[in-house]
Amino acid sequence: MHNNKLILKYCPNFDKIINTDFLEGDNISLQLIKIYQEFIFKIDLNNYEDIEEAQTIDRIMGKYVDDYFFRKTLEQEMRTIKVKKNAQDIVRAIVESIIEIFKKYEIDTTRKIYISRWI
């Protein structure tokens, strides 16, 4: 129980994510929340990389709840995720794929502004 409190300290969006009401029949959102919960509650608190990944997936799922366009993009991309048969941890493989999708989304949505030279 004490570990759960420590884990939740690193995941400030946990309550918002878990308590969000999605549309009835929205199985992808329910599965994403299930994967999120399963992942964060099995991280090793002594491993800094695990903590970092938990914070990242927490931020991503917070964005998923708040941002309609990201939600639609992630749902569409989740249909194409492939996990290798020899993967030791399927949940971790899915979380890593979600992180990659988020990085790609951020790059695609970030506007590049060029300042033209004034004559």
Protein backbone atom coordinates (compact mmCIF):
# COMPACT_ATOMS: atom_id res chain seq x y z
CA MET A 1 0.00 0.00 0.00
CA HIS A 2 2.86 2.37 0.83
CA ASN A 3 4.34 1.81 -2.64
CA ASN A 4 1.04 2.81 -4.23
CA LYS A 5 1.13 6.16 -2.44
CA LEU A 6 4.70 6.73 -3.65
CA ILE A 7 3.74 5.80 -7.19
CA LEU A 8 0.78 8.18 -7.14
CA LYS A 9 3.12 10.94 -6.03
CA TYR A 10 4.78 10.63 -9.44
CA CYS A 11 1.43 10.51 -11.28
CA PRO A 12 -0.49 13.73 -10.55
CA ASN A 13 -3.10 13.05 -13.26
CA PHE A 14 -4.13 9.66 -11.86
CA ASP A 15 -7.46 10.76 -10.33
CA LYS A 16 -8.47 12.74 -13.41
CA ILE A 17 -7.65 9.81 -15.70
CA ILE A 18 -9.37 7.14 -13.63
CA ASN A 19 -12.49 9.20 -12.89
CA THR A 20 -13.12 10.34 -16.46
CA ASP A 21 -16.40 9.11 -17.90
CA PHE A 22 -16.02 7.92 -21.46
CA LEU A 23 -18.84 7.11 -23.84
CA GLU A 24 -20.50 3.74 -23.44
CA GLY A 25 -18.84 1.24 -25.74
CA ASP A 26 -15.54 3.15 -25.87
CA ASN A 27 -13.45 0.03 -25.37
CA ILE A 28 -10.18 1.60 -26.51
CA SER A 29 -10.30 4.22 -23.76
CA LEU A 30 -11.14 1.60 -21.16
CA GLN A 31 -8.27 -0.60 -22.32
CA LEU A 32 -5.86 2.36 -22.32
CA ILE A 33 -6.79 3.16 -18.72
CA LYS A 34 -6.37 -0.49 -17.77
CA ILE A 35 -2.91 -0.56 -19.38
CA TYR A 36 -2.03 2.72 -17.66
CA GLN A 37 -3.02 1.39 -14.23
CA GLU A 38 -1.29 -1.93 -14.76
CA PHE A 39 1.91 -0.24 -15.89
CA ILE A 40 2.26 2.38 -13.18
CA PHE A 41 1.48 0.00 -10.33
CA LYS A 42 4.12 -2.50 -11.34
CA ILE A 43 7.06 -0.14 -11.83
CA ASP A 44 10.21 -0.53 -9.78
CA LEU A 45 10.55 2.55 -7.56
CA ASN A 46 14.30 1.96 -7.36
CA ASN A 47 14.66 2.28 -11.14
CA TYR A 48 14.77 5.90 -12.29
CA GLU A 49 13.87 4.95 -15.89
CA ASP A 50 10.67 3.23 -14.72
CA ILE A 51 9.69 6.31 -12.72
CA GLU A 52 10.39 8.51 -15.74
CA GLU A 53 8.24 6.30 -17.99
CA ALA A 54 5.43 6.34 -15.41
CA GLN A 55 5.53 10.14 -15.34
CA THR A 56 5.53 10.25 -19.13
CA ILE A 57 2.56 7.90 -19.53
CA ASP A 58 0.74 9.86 -16.84
CA ARG A 59 1.27 13.08 -18.78
CA ILE A 60 0.22 11.38 -22.03
CA MET A 61 -2.96 9.94 -20.54
CA GLY A 62 -3.75 13.34 -19.00
CA LYS A 63 -3.48 14.80 -22.50
CA TYR A 64 -5.64 11.94 -23.79
CA VAL A 65 -8.40 12.92 -21.39
CA ASP A 66 -8.15 16.66 -22.10
CA ASP A 67 -7.36 16.87 -25.83
CA TYR A 68 -9.99 15.59 -28.27
CA PHE A 69 -7.67 15.65 -31.30
CA PHE A 70 -4.95 13.71 -29.50
CA ARG A 71 -7.54 11.20 -28.31
CA LYS A 72 -8.70 10.53 -31.87
CA THR A 73 -5.11 10.29 -33.11
CA LEU A 74 -4.10 7.85 -30.37
CA GLU A 75 -7.21 5.72 -30.88
CA GLN A 76 -6.48 5.51 -34.59
CA GLU A 77 -2.81 4.64 -34.03
CA MET A 78 -3.65 2.05 -31.34
CA ARG A 79 -5.36 -0.04 -33.99
CA THR A 80 -2.05 -0.45 -35.81
CA ILE A 81 0.26 -1.25 -32.88
CA LYS A 82 2.03 -4.57 -33.24
CA VAL A 83 3.71 -6.34 -30.34
CA LYS A 84 6.31 -8.99 -31.07
CA LYS A 85 5.46 -12.53 -30.01
CA ASN A 86 8.69 -12.82 -28.05
CA ALA A 87 8.03 -9.66 -26.02
CA GLN A 88 8.58 -10.39 -22.34
CA ASP A 89 6.34 -7.61 -21.07
CA ILE A 90 3.41 -6.83 -23.36
CA VAL A 91 2.17 -3.90 -21.25
CA ARG A 92 5.59 -2.24 -21.36
CA ALA A 93 5.75 -2.74 -25.14
CA ILE A 94 2.35 -1.09 -25.57
CA VAL A 95 3.32 1.81 -23.27
CA GLU A 96 6.52 2.35 -25.26
CA SER A 97 4.44 2.43 -28.46
CA ILE A 98 2.07 4.98 -26.91
CA ILE A 99 5.04 7.15 -25.93
CA GLU A 100 6.35 7.01 -29.50
CA ILE A 101 2.92 7.93 -30.88
CA PHE A 102 2.81 10.90 -28.49
CA LYS A 103 6.28 12.09 -29.56
CA LYS A 104 5.24 11.89 -33.20
CA TYR A 105 2.00 13.76 -32.42
CA GLU A 106 3.90 16.54 -30.64
CA ILE A 107 6.26 16.96 -33.58
CA ASP A 108 3.39 17.02 -36.07
CA THR A 109 1.35 19.55 -34.12
CA THR A 110 4.14 21.88 -33.13
CA ARG A 111 4.15 24.87 -35.40
CA LYS A 112 7.41 26.00 -36.87
CA ILE A 113 7.55 29.74 -37.19
CA TYR A 114 10.02 31.31 -39.57
CA ILE A 115 10.83 34.96 -39.18
CA SER A 116 11.26 36.55 -42.54
CA ARG A 117 13.95 39.08 -43.07
CA TRP A 118 12.73 42.65 -43.28
CA ILE A 119 13.98 44.80 -46.10
